[in-house]
């Protein structure tokens, strides 16, 4: 029986050097999705703290105040900077 964890370390090369730009685009696309999810979680946490309950409508119509916007901007900058740093290899310095 094959170990299902072998999928994490395939025996063959998955992408060649010619696919590096495509890989970077995919990583940045996923980063945008993580940023959206992070924003949404922060909205949900804020609404739960304020209201005690959350509805989809409340999430979709949430209007951030200046303090919340500052927090979300900082979170997005941290996420983006971390990914860009890793893509550039600067995280190994």
N, C-alpha and C. Protein backbone atom coordinates (compact mmCIF):
# COMPACT_ATOMS: atom_id res chain seq x y z
N UNK A 1 0.85 -1.18 0.00
CA UNK A 1 0.00 0.00 0.00
C UNK A 1 0.90 1.24 0.00
N UNK A 2 0.58 2.17 -0.86
CA UNK A 2 1.36 3.40 -0.99
C UNK A 2 1.01 4.37 0.14
N UNK A 3 2.03 5.00 0.68
CA UNK A 3 1.84 5.98 1.75
C UNK A 3 1.24 7.25 1.15
N UNK A 4 0.08 7.71 1.61
CA UNK A 4 -0.55 8.91 1.03
C UNK A 4 0.29 10.17 1.20
N UNK A 5 1.21 10.16 2.15
CA UNK A 5 2.07 11.33 2.34
C UNK A 5 3.11 11.46 1.23
N UNK A 6 3.29 10.41 0.44
CA UNK A 6 4.25 10.48 -0.67
C UNK A 6 3.87 11.56 -1.67
N UNK A 7 2.61 11.94 -1.70
CA UNK A 7 2.16 13.00 -2.60
C UNK A 7 2.90 14.30 -2.32
N UNK A 8 3.28 14.50 -1.06
CA UNK A 8 3.97 15.73 -0.67
C UNK A 8 5.40 15.80 -1.18
N UNK A 9 5.98 14.66 -1.50
CA UNK A 9 7.36 14.62 -2.00
C UNK A 9 7.43 13.71 -3.22
N UNK A 10 6.93 14.17 -4.35
CA UNK A 10 6.93 13.33 -5.56
C UNK A 10 8.34 13.03 -6.03
N UNK A 11 8.48 11.90 -6.71
CA UNK A 11 9.78 11.46 -7.22
C UNK A 11 10.22 12.23 -8.45
N UNK A 12 9.30 12.85 -9.14
CA UNK A 12 9.63 13.56 -10.38
C UNK A 12 9.51 15.07 -10.19
N UNK A 13 10.16 15.78 -11.10
CA UNK A 13 10.06 17.24 -11.07
C UNK A 13 8.65 17.64 -11.50
N UNK A 14 8.03 18.50 -10.74
CA UNK A 14 6.66 18.93 -11.04
C UNK A 14 6.66 20.07 -12.05
N UNK A 15 7.51 21.07 -11.82
CA UNK A 15 7.58 22.23 -12.69
C UNK A 15 9.02 22.45 -13.14
N UNK A 16 9.15 22.81 -14.40
CA UNK A 16 10.47 23.16 -14.91
C UNK A 16 10.74 24.63 -14.72
N UNK A 17 11.97 25.05 -14.96
CA UNK A 17 12.33 26.46 -14.80
C UNK A 17 11.46 27.40 -15.63
N UNK A 18 10.96 26.91 -16.74
CA UNK A 18 10.13 27.76 -17.61
C UNK A 18 8.77 28.08 -16.98
N UNK A 19 8.44 27.43 -15.88
CA UNK A 19 7.14 27.65 -15.23
C UNK A 19 7.23 28.51 -13.97
N UNK A 20 8.39 29.05 -13.69
CA UNK A 20 8.58 29.83 -12.47
C UNK A 20 7.64 31.03 -12.42
N UNK A 21 7.51 31.75 -13.52
CA UNK A 21 6.60 32.92 -13.53
C UNK A 21 5.16 32.50 -13.29
N UNK A 22 4.76 31.38 -13.88
CA UNK A 22 3.40 30.88 -13.66
C UNK A 22 3.19 30.52 -12.19
N UNK A 23 4.20 29.92 -11.59
CA UNK A 23 4.12 29.56 -10.18
C UNK A 23 4.00 30.82 -9.32
N UNK A 24 4.78 31.83 -9.62
CA UNK A 24 4.71 33.09 -8.87
C UNK A 24 3.32 33.71 -9.01
N UNK A 25 2.76 33.69 -10.21
CA UNK A 25 1.40 34.23 -10.41
C UNK A 25 0.38 33.45 -9.59
N UNK A 26 0.53 32.13 -9.56
CA UNK A 26 -0.39 31.31 -8.78
C UNK A 26 -0.28 31.62 -7.29
N UNK A 27 0.95 31.76 -6.81
CA UNK A 27 1.16 32.09 -5.39
C UNK A 27 0.55 33.45 -5.06
N UNK A 28 0.74 34.43 -5.92
CA UNK A 28 0.17 35.76 -5.68
C UNK A 28 -1.36 35.72 -5.73
N UNK A 29 -1.91 34.91 -6.61
CA UNK A 29 -3.36 34.75 -6.68
C UNK A 29 -3.89 34.14 -5.38
N UNK A 30 -3.21 33.12 -4.89
CA UNK A 30 -3.61 32.52 -3.61
C UNK A 30 -3.43 33.51 -2.46
N UNK A 31 -2.42 34.34 -2.54
CA UNK A 31 -2.20 35.36 -1.52
C UNK A 31 -3.37 36.33 -1.47
N UNK A 32 -3.87 36.72 -2.65
CA UNK A 32 -5.05 37.60 -2.68
C UNK A 32 -6.24 36.93 -2.01
N UNK A 33 -6.42 35.64 -2.26
CA UNK A 33 -7.53 34.91 -1.64
C UNK A 33 -7.37 34.84 -0.13
N UNK A 34 -6.15 34.60 0.34
CA UNK A 34 -5.88 34.58 1.78
C UNK A 34 -6.18 35.95 2.38
N UNK A 35 -5.81 37.01 1.67
CA UNK A 35 -6.08 38.36 2.15
C UNK A 35 -7.58 38.61 2.28
N UNK A 36 -8.35 38.17 1.30
CA UNK A 36 -9.81 38.33 1.35
C UNK A 36 -10.38 37.56 2.53
N UNK A 37 -9.91 36.34 2.72
CA UNK A 37 -10.40 35.54 3.85
C UNK A 37 -10.00 36.15 5.19
N UNK A 38 -8.79 36.68 5.26
CA UNK A 38 -8.34 37.34 6.48
C UNK A 38 -9.22 38.54 6.79
N UNK A 39 -9.51 39.33 5.77
CA UNK A 39 -10.40 40.49 5.93
C UNK A 39 -11.75 40.04 6.45
N UNK A 40 -12.30 39.01 5.85
CA UNK A 40 -13.63 38.52 6.23
C UNK A 40 -13.63 38.01 7.67
N UNK A 41 -12.60 37.28 8.05
CA UNK A 41 -12.51 36.79 9.43
C UNK A 41 -12.43 37.96 10.41
N UNK A 42 -11.66 38.97 10.07
CA UNK A 42 -11.55 40.14 10.94
C UNK A 42 -12.90 40.85 11.07
N UNK A 43 -13.65 40.91 9.98
CA UNK A 43 -15.00 41.50 10.03
C UNK A 43 -15.89 40.67 10.93
N UNK A 44 -15.86 39.35 10.76
CA UNK A 44 -16.70 38.47 11.58
C UNK A 44 -16.34 38.62 13.06
N UNK A 45 -15.05 38.64 13.36
CA UNK A 45 -14.62 38.81 14.76
C UNK A 45 -15.12 40.14 15.33
N UNK A 46 -15.02 41.19 14.55
CA UNK A 46 -15.47 42.51 15.01
C UNK A 46 -16.98 42.51 15.24
N UNK A 47 -17.73 41.93 14.31
CA UNK A 47 -19.19 41.89 14.47
C UNK A 47 -19.59 41.04 15.67
N UNK A 48 -18.91 39.92 15.86
CA UNK A 48 -19.22 39.08 17.03
C UNK A 48 -18.95 39.83 18.33
N UNK A 49 -17.86 40.55 18.35
CA UNK A 49 -17.52 41.31 19.55
C UNK A 49 -18.56 42.40 19.82
N UNK A 50 -18.99 43.08 18.76
CA UNK A 50 -19.95 44.18 18.91
C UNK A 50 -21.38 43.70 19.16
N UNK A 51 -21.80 42.72 18.33
CA UNK A 51 -23.21 42.33 18.30
C UNK A 51 -23.50 41.01 19.01
N UNK A 52 -22.52 40.14 19.09
CA UNK A 52 -22.75 38.82 19.69
C UNK A 52 -23.25 37.79 18.69
N UNK A 53 -23.74 38.25 17.55
CA UNK A 53 -24.19 37.37 16.47
C UNK A 53 -23.75 37.98 15.14
N UNK A 54 -23.72 37.13 14.13
CA UNK A 54 -23.30 37.60 12.81
C UNK A 54 -24.26 37.06 11.77
N UNK A 55 -24.65 37.93 10.84
CA UNK A 55 -25.44 37.48 9.69
C UNK A 55 -24.62 37.75 8.43
N UNK A 56 -24.95 37.05 7.38
CA UNK A 56 -24.26 37.26 6.10
C UNK A 56 -24.44 38.70 5.65
N UNK A 57 -25.64 39.22 5.84
CA UNK A 57 -25.91 40.62 5.45
C UNK A 57 -25.01 41.58 6.22
N UNK A 58 -24.84 41.33 7.52
CA UNK A 58 -23.99 42.21 8.33
C UNK A 58 -22.54 42.17 7.85
N UNK A 59 -22.09 40.99 7.45
CA UNK A 59 -20.72 40.86 6.93
C UNK A 59 -20.60 41.62 5.62
N UNK A 60 -21.55 41.40 4.73
CA UNK A 60 -21.49 42.00 3.39
C UNK A 60 -21.65 43.52 3.40
N UNK A 61 -22.33 44.05 4.40
CA UNK A 61 -22.57 45.49 4.45
C UNK A 61 -21.71 46.20 5.49
N UNK A 62 -20.75 45.49 6.05
CA UNK A 62 -19.88 46.05 7.08
C UNK A 62 -19.12 47.25 6.54
N UNK A 63 -19.14 48.33 7.29
CA UNK A 63 -18.40 49.55 6.95
C UNK A 63 -17.31 49.75 8.00
N UNK A 64 -16.06 49.58 7.61
CA UNK A 64 -14.99 49.70 8.61
C UNK A 64 -14.78 51.14 9.06
N UNK A 65 -14.47 51.30 10.35
CA UNK A 65 -14.07 52.62 10.83
C UNK A 65 -12.57 52.76 10.59
N UNK A 66 -12.02 53.91 10.92
CA UNK A 66 -10.60 54.17 10.63
C UNK A 66 -9.68 53.19 11.35
N UNK A 67 -10.00 52.86 12.59
CA UNK A 67 -9.15 51.94 13.36
C UNK A 67 -9.16 50.54 12.74
N UNK A 68 -10.34 50.07 12.34
CA UNK A 68 -10.43 48.76 11.70
C UNK A 68 -9.67 48.76 10.39
N UNK A 69 -9.85 49.81 9.60
CA UNK A 69 -9.17 49.89 8.31
C UNK A 69 -7.65 49.86 8.49
N UNK A 70 -7.18 50.52 9.53
CA UNK A 70 -5.74 50.52 9.81
C UNK A 70 -5.26 49.10 10.14
N UNK A 71 -6.04 48.36 10.94
CA UNK A 71 -5.69 46.98 11.29
C UNK A 71 -5.67 46.09 10.05
N UNK A 72 -6.68 46.22 9.20
CA UNK A 72 -6.75 45.35 8.02
C UNK A 72 -5.65 45.71 7.04
N UNK A 73 -5.35 46.99 6.89
CA UNK A 73 -4.26 47.40 6.01
C UNK A 73 -2.93 46.82 6.49
N UNK A 74 -2.71 46.83 7.79
CA UNK A 74 -1.48 46.27 8.35
C UNK A 74 -1.41 44.76 8.13
N UNK A 75 -2.54 44.09 8.31
CA UNK A 75 -2.57 42.63 8.09
C UNK A 75 -2.28 42.30 6.63
N UNK A 76 -2.88 43.05 5.71
CA UNK A 76 -2.65 42.81 4.28
C UNK A 76 -1.19 43.07 3.91
N UNK A 77 -0.62 44.12 4.47
CA UNK A 77 0.79 44.44 4.19
C UNK A 77 1.70 43.32 4.69
N UNK A 78 1.39 42.78 5.85
CA UNK A 78 2.20 41.70 6.42
C UNK A 78 2.10 40.44 5.57
N UNK A 79 0.89 40.08 5.16
CA UNK A 79 0.69 38.89 4.32
C UNK A 79 1.43 39.05 3.00
N UNK A 80 1.22 40.17 2.34
CA UNK A 80 1.83 40.41 1.03
C UNK A 80 3.35 40.46 1.13
N UNK A 81 3.86 41.17 2.11
CA UNK A 81 5.32 41.29 2.26
C UNK A 81 5.95 39.93 2.51
N UNK A 82 5.30 39.11 3.32
CA UNK A 82 5.84 37.78 3.60
C UNK A 82 5.93 36.92 2.35
N UNK A 83 4.91 36.97 1.52
CA UNK A 83 4.91 36.18 0.29
C UNK A 83 5.93 36.70 -0.70
N UNK A 84 5.98 38.01 -0.89
CA UNK A 84 6.95 38.60 -1.82
C UNK A 84 8.37 38.30 -1.36
N UNK A 85 8.62 38.42 -0.08
CA UNK A 85 9.94 38.12 0.47
C UNK A 85 10.33 36.67 0.19
N UNK A 86 9.39 35.76 0.40
CA UNK A 86 9.67 34.34 0.14
C UNK A 86 9.90 34.09 -1.34
N UNK A 87 9.10 34.71 -2.21
CA UNK A 87 9.28 34.52 -3.66
C UNK A 87 10.64 35.04 -4.13
N UNK A 88 11.12 36.08 -3.50
CA UNK A 88 12.42 36.64 -3.87
C UNK A 88 13.59 35.91 -3.21
N UNK A 89 13.27 34.98 -2.31
CA UNK A 89 14.31 34.24 -1.62
C UNK A 89 14.96 34.99 -0.49
N UNK A 90 14.45 36.17 -0.18
CA UNK A 90 15.05 37.00 0.87
C UNK A 90 14.77 36.46 2.26
N UNK A 91 13.83 35.53 2.39
CA UNK A 91 13.52 34.96 3.70
C UNK A 91 14.61 34.01 4.18
N UNK A 92 15.54 33.67 3.31
CA UNK A 92 16.61 32.75 3.68
C UNK A 92 17.88 33.47 4.11
N UNK A 93 17.88 34.78 4.02
CA UNK A 93 19.07 35.57 4.38
C UNK A 93 19.24 35.66 5.87
